[in-house]
Amino acid sequence: MIETPKARSPRDGEPKTMRASISFPAEVYLELERIAAAKKVSLAWVVREAAEKYVADQWPLFAQGSGPQ
């Protein structure tokens, strides 16, 4: 049986978030670090931004707020 992970409880109105551990090939990781440094943001921010764009491209209705809950 597959269990659905539980989202963390919101604090002070923050939206629920979930944590993931992801491995990248070294060259991809280094490029993500370069992008983050150039934009002066965290590597996590770059990965979240890329994931959100990917989901919006794959499922346009999700980006409009009517995606799966």
PDB file of N, CA and C in Angstrom:
ATOM      1  N   MET A   1       0.832  -1.175   0.000  1.00  0.00           N
ATOM      2  CA  MET A   1       0.000   0.000   0.000  1.00  0.00           C
ATOM      3  C   MET A   1       0.886   1.251   0.000  1.00  0.00           C
ATOM      4  N   ILE A   2       0.581   2.187  -0.861  1.00  0.00           N
ATOM      5  CA  ILE A   2       1.346   3.432  -0.943  1.00  0.00           C
ATOM      6  C   ILE A   2       0.654   4.477  -0.084  1.00  0.00           C
ATOM      7  N   GLU A   3       1.416   5.085   0.814  1.00  0.00           N
ATOM      8  CA  GLU A   3       0.865   6.132   1.658  1.00  0.00           C
ATOM      9  C   GLU A   3       1.179   7.494   1.063  1.00  0.00           C
ATOM     10  N   THR A   4       0.214   8.391   1.118  1.00  0.00           N
ATOM     11  CA  THR A   4       0.421   9.764   0.670  1.00  0.00           C
ATOM     12  C   THR A   4       1.156  10.509   1.764  1.00  0.00           C
ATOM     13  N   PRO A   5       2.275  11.175   1.424  1.00  0.00           N
ATOM     14  CA  PRO A   5       2.990  11.926   2.454  1.00  0.00           C
ATOM     15  C   PRO A   5       2.136  13.071   2.977  1.00  0.00           C
ATOM     16  N   LYS A   6       2.307  13.405   4.234  1.00  0.00           N
ATOM     17  CA  LYS A   6       1.538  14.480   4.837  1.00  0.00           C
ATOM     18  C   LYS A   6       2.291  15.792   4.688  1.00  0.00           C
ATOM     19  N   ALA A   7       1.558  16.819   4.281  1.00  0.00           N
ATOM     20  CA  ALA A   7       2.158  18.148   4.151  1.00  0.00           C
ATOM     21  C   ALA A   7       2.401  18.720   5.538  1.00  0.00           C
ATOM     22  N   ARG A   8       3.393  19.556   5.638  1.00  0.00           N
ATOM     23  CA  ARG A   8       3.676  20.216   6.905  1.00  0.00           C
ATOM     24  C   ARG A   8       2.569  21.214   7.214  1.00  0.00           C
ATOM     25  N   SER A   9       2.288  21.384   8.484  1.00  0.00           N
ATOM     26  CA  SER A   9       1.262  22.331   8.908  1.00  0.00           C
ATOM     27  C   SER A   9       1.722  23.750   8.624  1.00  0.00           C
ATOM     28  N   PRO A  10       0.807  24.592   8.179  1.00  0.00           N
ATOM     29  CA  PRO A  10       1.192  25.987   7.926  1.00  0.00           C
ATOM     30  C   PRO A  10       1.451  26.722   9.235  1.00  0.00           C
ATOM     31  N   ARG A  11       2.398  27.636   9.176  1.00  0.00           N
ATOM     32  CA  ARG A  11       2.712  28.496  10.314  1.00  0.00           C
ATOM     33  C   ARG A  11       2.478  29.935   9.892  1.00  0.00           C
ATOM     34  N   ASP A  12       1.765  30.652  10.703  1.00  0.00           N
ATOM     35  CA  ASP A  12       1.516  32.074  10.431  1.00  0.00           C
ATOM     36  C   ASP A  12       1.016  32.305   9.012  1.00  0.00           C
ATOM     37  N   GLY A  13       0.107  31.480   8.530  1.00  0.00           N
ATOM     38  CA  GLY A  13      -0.486  31.670   7.223  1.00  0.00           C
ATOM     39  C   GLY A  13       0.340  31.181   6.050  1.00  0.00           C
ATOM     40  N   GLU A  14       1.503  30.559   6.311  1.00  0.00           N
ATOM     41  CA  GLU A  14       2.312  30.034   5.212  1.00  0.00           C
ATOM     42  C   GLU A  14       1.583  28.878   4.542  1.00  0.00           C
ATOM     43  N   PRO A  15       1.682  28.749   3.211  1.00  0.00           N
ATOM     44  CA  PRO A  15       1.057  27.602   2.547  1.00  0.00           C
ATOM     45  C   PRO A  15       1.756  26.308   2.944  1.00  0.00           C
ATOM     46  N   LYS A  16       1.043  25.191   2.830  1.00  0.00           N
ATOM     47  CA  LYS A  16       1.636  23.894   3.135  1.00  0.00           C
ATOM     48  C   LYS A  16       2.760  23.604   2.147  1.00  0.00           C
ATOM     49  N   THR A  17       3.821  23.022   2.632  1.00  0.00           N
ATOM     50  CA  THR A  17       4.934  22.632   1.778  1.00  0.00           C
ATOM     51  C   THR A  17       5.327  21.204   2.099  1.00  0.00           C
ATOM     52  N   MET A  18       6.021  20.589   1.162  1.00  0.00           N
ATOM     53  CA  MET A  18       6.534  19.242   1.365  1.00  0.00           C
ATOM     54  C   MET A  18       8.004  19.250   0.996  1.00  0.00           C
ATOM     55  N   ARG A  19       8.773  18.429   1.664  1.00  0.00           N
ATOM     56  CA  ARG A  19      10.209  18.363   1.453  1.00  0.00           C
ATOM     57  C   ARG A  19      10.530  17.173   0.561  1.00  0.00           C
ATOM     58  N   ALA A  20      11.506  17.351  -0.325  1.00  0.00           N
ATOM     59  CA  ALA A  20      11.970  16.273  -1.199  1.00  0.00           C
ATOM     60  C   ALA A  20      13.492  16.266  -1.220  1.00  0.00           C
ATOM     61  N   SER A  21      14.042  15.108  -1.348  1.00  0.00           N
ATOM     62  CA  SER A  21      15.482  14.965  -1.503  1.00  0.00           C
ATOM     63  C   SER A  21      15.715  14.491  -2.931  1.00  0.00           C
ATOM     64  N   ILE A  22      16.470  15.264  -3.690  1.00  0.00           N
ATOM     65  CA  ILE A  22      16.647  14.996  -5.118  1.00  0.00           C
ATOM     66  C   ILE A  22      18.127  14.934  -5.442  1.00  0.00           C
ATOM     67  N   SER A  23      18.504  13.955  -6.249  1.00  0.00           N
ATOM     68  CA  SER A  23      19.897  13.844  -6.709  1.00  0.00           C
ATOM     69  C   SER A  23      19.967  14.268  -8.172  1.00  0.00           C
ATOM     70  N   PHE A  24      21.025  14.996  -8.518  1.00  0.00           N
ATOM     71  CA  PHE A  24      21.254  15.452  -9.888  1.00  0.00           C
ATOM     72  C   PHE A  24      22.605  14.947 -10.359  1.00  0.00           C
ATOM     73  N   PRO A  25      22.753  14.758 -11.664  1.00  0.00           N
ATOM     74  CA  PRO A  25      24.104  14.519 -12.183  1.00  0.00           C
ATOM     75  C   PRO A  25      24.961  15.746 -11.832  1.00  0.00           C
ATOM     76  N   ALA A  26      26.243  15.521 -11.607  1.00  0.00           N
ATOM     77  CA  ALA A  26      27.134  16.598 -11.163  1.00  0.00           C
ATOM     78  C   ALA A  26      27.072  17.828 -12.063  1.00  0.00           C
ATOM     79  N   GLU A  27      27.080  17.621 -13.383  1.00  0.00           N
ATOM     80  CA  GLU A  27      27.086  18.771 -14.295  1.00  0.00           C
ATOM     81  C   GLU A  27      25.793  19.579 -14.200  1.00  0.00           C
ATOM     82  N   VAL A  28      24.675  18.921 -13.962  1.00  0.00           N
ATOM     83  CA  VAL A  28      23.402  19.636 -13.805  1.00  0.00           C
ATOM     84  C   VAL A  28      23.416  20.423 -12.499  1.00  0.00           C
ATOM     85  N   TYR A  29      23.870  19.792 -11.431  1.00  0.00           N
ATOM     86  CA  TYR A  29      23.943  20.458 -10.136  1.00  0.00           C
ATOM     87  C   TYR A  29      24.827  21.709 -10.209  1.00  0.00           C
ATOM     88  N   LEU A  30      25.983  21.587 -10.841  1.00  0.00           N
ATOM     89  CA  LEU A  30      26.888  22.735 -10.958  1.00  0.00           C
ATOM     90  C   LEU A  30      26.254  23.861 -11.760  1.00  0.00           C
ATOM     91  N   GLU A  31      25.523  23.512 -12.807  1.00  0.00           N
ATOM     92  CA  GLU A  31      24.847  24.540 -13.609  1.00  0.00           C
ATOM     93  C   GLU A  31      23.738  25.211 -12.801  1.00  0.00           C
ATOM     94  N   LEU A  32      22.995  24.440 -12.015  1.00  0.00           N
ATOM     95  CA  LEU A  32      21.971  25.022 -11.147  1.00  0.00           C
ATOM     96  C   LEU A  32      22.593  25.984 -10.135  1.00  0.00           C
ATOM     97  N   GLU A  33      23.745  25.615  -9.596  1.00  0.00           N
ATOM     98  CA  GLU A  33      24.450  26.517  -8.672  1.00  0.00           C
ATOM     99  C   GLU A  33      24.870  27.808  -9.366  1.00  0.00           C
ATOM    100  N   ARG A  34      25.349  27.695 -10.609  1.00  0.00           N
ATOM    101  CA  ARG A  34      25.758  28.885 -11.373  1.00  0.00           C
ATOM    102  C   ARG A  34      24.550  29.792 -11.630  1.00  0.00           C
ATOM    103  N   ILE A  35      23.427  29.181 -12.010  1.00  0.00           N
ATOM    104  CA  ILE A  35      22.206  29.967 -12.260  1.00  0.00           C
ATOM    105  C   ILE A  35      21.779  30.691 -10.983  1.00  0.00           C
ATOM    106  N   ALA A  36      21.773  29.958  -9.872  1.00  0.00           N
ATOM    107  CA  ALA A  36      21.379  30.554  -8.592  1.00  0.00           C
ATOM    108  C   ALA A  36      22.289  31.724  -8.219  1.00  0.00           C
ATOM    109  N   ALA A  37      23.583  31.540  -8.381  1.00  0.00           N
ATOM    110  CA  ALA A  37      24.524  32.609  -8.053  1.00  0.00           C
ATOM    111  C   ALA A  37      24.298  33.827  -8.943  1.00  0.00           C
ATOM    112  N   ALA A  38      24.072  33.601 -10.225  1.00  0.00           N
ATOM    113  CA  ALA A  38      23.855  34.705 -11.160  1.00  0.00           C
ATOM    114  C   ALA A  38      22.577  35.481 -10.823  1.00  0.00           C
ATOM    115  N   LYS A  39      21.550  34.775 -10.371  1.00  0.00           N
ATOM    116  CA  LYS A  39      20.281  35.410 -10.022  1.00  0.00           C
ATOM    117  C   LYS A  39      20.251  35.894  -8.574  1.00  0.00           C
ATOM    118  N   LYS A  40      21.285  35.523  -7.801  1.00  0.00           N
ATOM    119  CA  LYS A  40      21.373  35.879  -6.382  1.00  0.00           C
ATOM    120  C   LYS A  40      20.187  35.317  -5.592  1.00  0.00           C
ATOM    121  N   VAL A  41      19.903  34.036  -5.869  1.00  0.00           N
ATOM    122  CA  VAL A  41      18.861  33.309  -5.151  1.00  0.00           C
ATOM    123  C   VAL A  41      19.438  31.958  -4.733  1.00  0.00           C
ATOM    124  N   SER A  42      18.687  31.201  -3.977  1.00  0.00           N
ATOM    125  CA  SER A  42      19.156  29.882  -3.560  1.00  0.00           C
ATOM    126  C   SER A  42      18.966  28.858  -4.675  1.00  0.00           C
ATOM    127  N   LEU A  43      19.740  27.790  -4.582  1.00  0.00           N
ATOM    128  CA  LEU A  43      19.572  26.681  -5.521  1.00  0.00           C
ATOM    129  C   LEU A  43      18.161  26.121  -5.390  1.00  0.00           C
ATOM    130  N   ALA A  44      17.641  26.034  -4.173  1.00  0.00           N
ATOM    131  CA  ALA A  44      16.279  25.541  -3.956  1.00  0.00           C
ATOM    132  C   ALA A  44      15.262  26.398  -4.703  1.00  0.00           C
ATOM    133  N   TRP A  45      15.461  27.716  -4.715  1.00  0.00           N
ATOM    134  CA  TRP A  45      14.545  28.609  -5.420  1.00  0.00           C
ATOM    135  C   TRP A  45      14.550  28.287  -6.914  1.00  0.00           C
ATOM    136  N   VAL A  46      15.742  28.084  -7.474  1.00  0.00           N
ATOM    137  CA  VAL A  46      15.862  27.769  -8.904  1.00  0.00           C
ATOM    138  C   VAL A  46      15.123  26.465  -9.221  1.00  0.00           C
ATOM    139  N   VAL A  47      15.302  25.446  -8.387  1.00  0.00           N
ATOM    140  CA  VAL A  47      14.657  24.154  -8.618  1.00  0.00           C
ATOM    141  C   VAL A  47      13.145  24.275  -8.478  1.00  0.00           C
ATOM    142  N   ARG A  48      12.665  24.993  -7.460  1.00  0.00           N
ATOM    143  CA  ARG A  48      11.215  25.182  -7.302  1.00  0.00           C
ATOM    144  C   ARG A  48      10.631  25.915  -8.496  1.00  0.00           C
ATOM    145  N   GLU A  49      11.300  26.969  -8.933  1.00  0.00           N
ATOM    146  CA  GLU A  49      10.829  27.748 -10.089  1.00  0.00           C
ATOM    147  C   GLU A  49      10.748  26.861 -11.335  1.00  0.00           C
ATOM    148  N   ALA A  50      11.771  26.057 -11.568  1.00  0.00           N
ATOM    149  CA  ALA A  50      11.782  25.161 -12.728  1.00  0.00           C
ATOM    150  C   ALA A  50      10.657  24.132 -12.627  1.00  0.00           C
ATOM    151  N   ALA A  51      10.446  23.584 -11.439  1.00  0.00           N
ATOM    152  CA  ALA A  51       9.393  22.580 -11.255  1.00  0.00           C
ATOM    153  C   ALA A  51       8.014  23.197 -11.481  1.00  0.00           C
ATOM    154  N   GLU A  52       7.794  24.401 -10.964  1.00  0.00           N
ATOM    155  CA  GLU A  52       6.507  25.069 -11.154  1.00  0.00           C
ATOM    156  C   GLU A  52       6.252  25.346 -12.633  1.00  0.00           C
ATOM    157  N   LYS A  53       7.275  25.780 -13.362  1.00  0.00           N
ATOM    158  CA  LYS A  53       7.116  26.030 -14.803  1.00  0.00           C
ATOM    159  C   LYS A  53       6.841  24.729 -15.553  1.00  0.00           C
ATOM    160  N   TYR A  54       7.508  23.659 -15.173  1.00  0.00           N
ATOM    161  CA  TYR A  54       7.298  22.368 -15.814  1.00  0.00           C
ATOM    162  C   TYR A  54       5.857  21.906 -15.612  1.00  0.00           C
ATOM    163  N   VAL A  55       5.374  21.998 -14.389  1.00  0.00           N
ATOM    164  CA  VAL A  55       3.999  21.578 -14.107  1.00  0.00           C
ATOM    165  C   VAL A  55       3.013  22.444 -14.900  1.00  0.00           C
ATOM    166  N   ALA A  56       3.226  23.753 -14.934  1.00  0.00           N
ATOM    167  CA  ALA A  56       2.337  24.649 -15.682  1.00  0.00           C
ATOM    168  C   ALA A  56       2.351  24.325 -17.174  1.00  0.00           C
ATOM    169  N   ASP A  57       3.509  23.967 -17.713  1.00  0.00           N
ATOM    170  CA  ASP A  57       3.598  23.607 -19.131  1.00  0.00           C
ATOM    171  C   ASP A  57       2.895  22.292 -19.423  1.00  0.00           C
ATOM    172  N   GLN A  58       3.004  21.333 -18.517  1.00  0.00           N
ATOM    173  CA  GLN A  58       2.407  20.016 -18.724  1.00  0.00           C
ATOM    174  C   GLN A  58       0.903  20.023 -18.489  1.00  0.00           C
ATOM    175  N   TRP A  59       0.456  20.788 -17.509  1.00  0.00           N
ATOM    176  CA  TRP A  59      -0.951  20.837 -17.134  1.00  0.00           C
ATOM    177  C   TRP A  59      -1.372  22.296 -16.971  1.00  0.00           C
ATOM    178  N   PRO A  60      -1.688  22.975 -18.076  1.00  0.00           N
ATOM    179  CA  PRO A  60      -2.002  24.407 -18.019  1.00  0.00           C
ATOM    180  C   PRO A  60      -3.114  24.767 -17.025  1.00  0.00           C
ATOM    181  N   LEU A  61      -4.102  23.900 -16.843  1.00  0.00           N
ATOM    182  CA  LEU A  61      -5.177  24.220 -15.905  1.00  0.00           C
ATOM    183  C   LEU A  61      -4.679  24.262 -14.471  1.00  0.00           C
ATOM    184  N   PHE A  62      -3.626  23.507 -14.172  1.00  0.00           N
ATOM    185  CA  PHE A  62      -3.039  23.495 -12.834  1.00  0.00           C
ATOM    186  C   PHE A  62      -2.529  24.910 -12.490  1.00  0.00           C
ATOM    187  N   ALA A  63      -1.923  25.562 -13.463  1.00  0.00           N
ATOM    188  CA  ALA A  63      -1.367  26.898 -13.256  1.00  0.00           C
ATOM    189  C   ALA A  63      -2.454  27.918 -12.965  1.00  0.00           C
ATOM    190  N   GLN A  64      -3.689  27.631 -13.392  1.00  0.00           N
ATOM    191  CA  GLN A  64      -4.790  28.547 -13.167  1.00  0.00           C
ATOM    192  C   GLN A  64      -5.497  28.300 -11.841  1.00  0.00           C
ATOM    193  N   GLY A  65      -4.959  27.382 -11.061  1.00  0.00           N
ATOM    194  CA  GLY A  65      -5.517  27.142  -9.738  1.00  0.00           C
ATOM    195  C   GLY A  65      -6.605  26.098  -9.687  1.00  0.00           C
ATOM    196  N   SER A  66      -6.852  25.393 -10.789  1.00  0.00           N
ATOM    197  CA  SER A  66      -7.894  24.380 -10.776  1.00  0.00           C
ATOM    198  C   SER A  66      -7.316  22.984 -10.918  1.00  0.00           C
ATOM    199  N   GLY A  67      -6.051  22.853 -10.566  1.00  0.00           N
ATOM    200  CA  GLY A  67      -5.385  21.551 -10.664  1.00  0.00           C
ATOM    201  C   GLY A  67      -5.743  20.650  -9.507  1.00  0.00           C
ATOM    202  N   PRO A  68      -5.140  19.464  -9.469  1.00  0.00           N
ATOM    203  CA  PRO A  68      -5.420  18.517  -8.405  1.00  0.00           C
ATOM    204  C   PRO A  68      -5.084  19.076  -7.043  1.00  0.00           C
ATOM    205  N   GLN A  69      -5.871  18.759  -6.053  1.00  0.00           N
ATOM    206  CA  GLN A  69      -5.661  19.241  -4.695  1.00  0.00           C
ATOM    207  C   GLN A  69      -5.008  18.179  -3.868  1.00  0.00           C
TER     208      GLN A  69
END
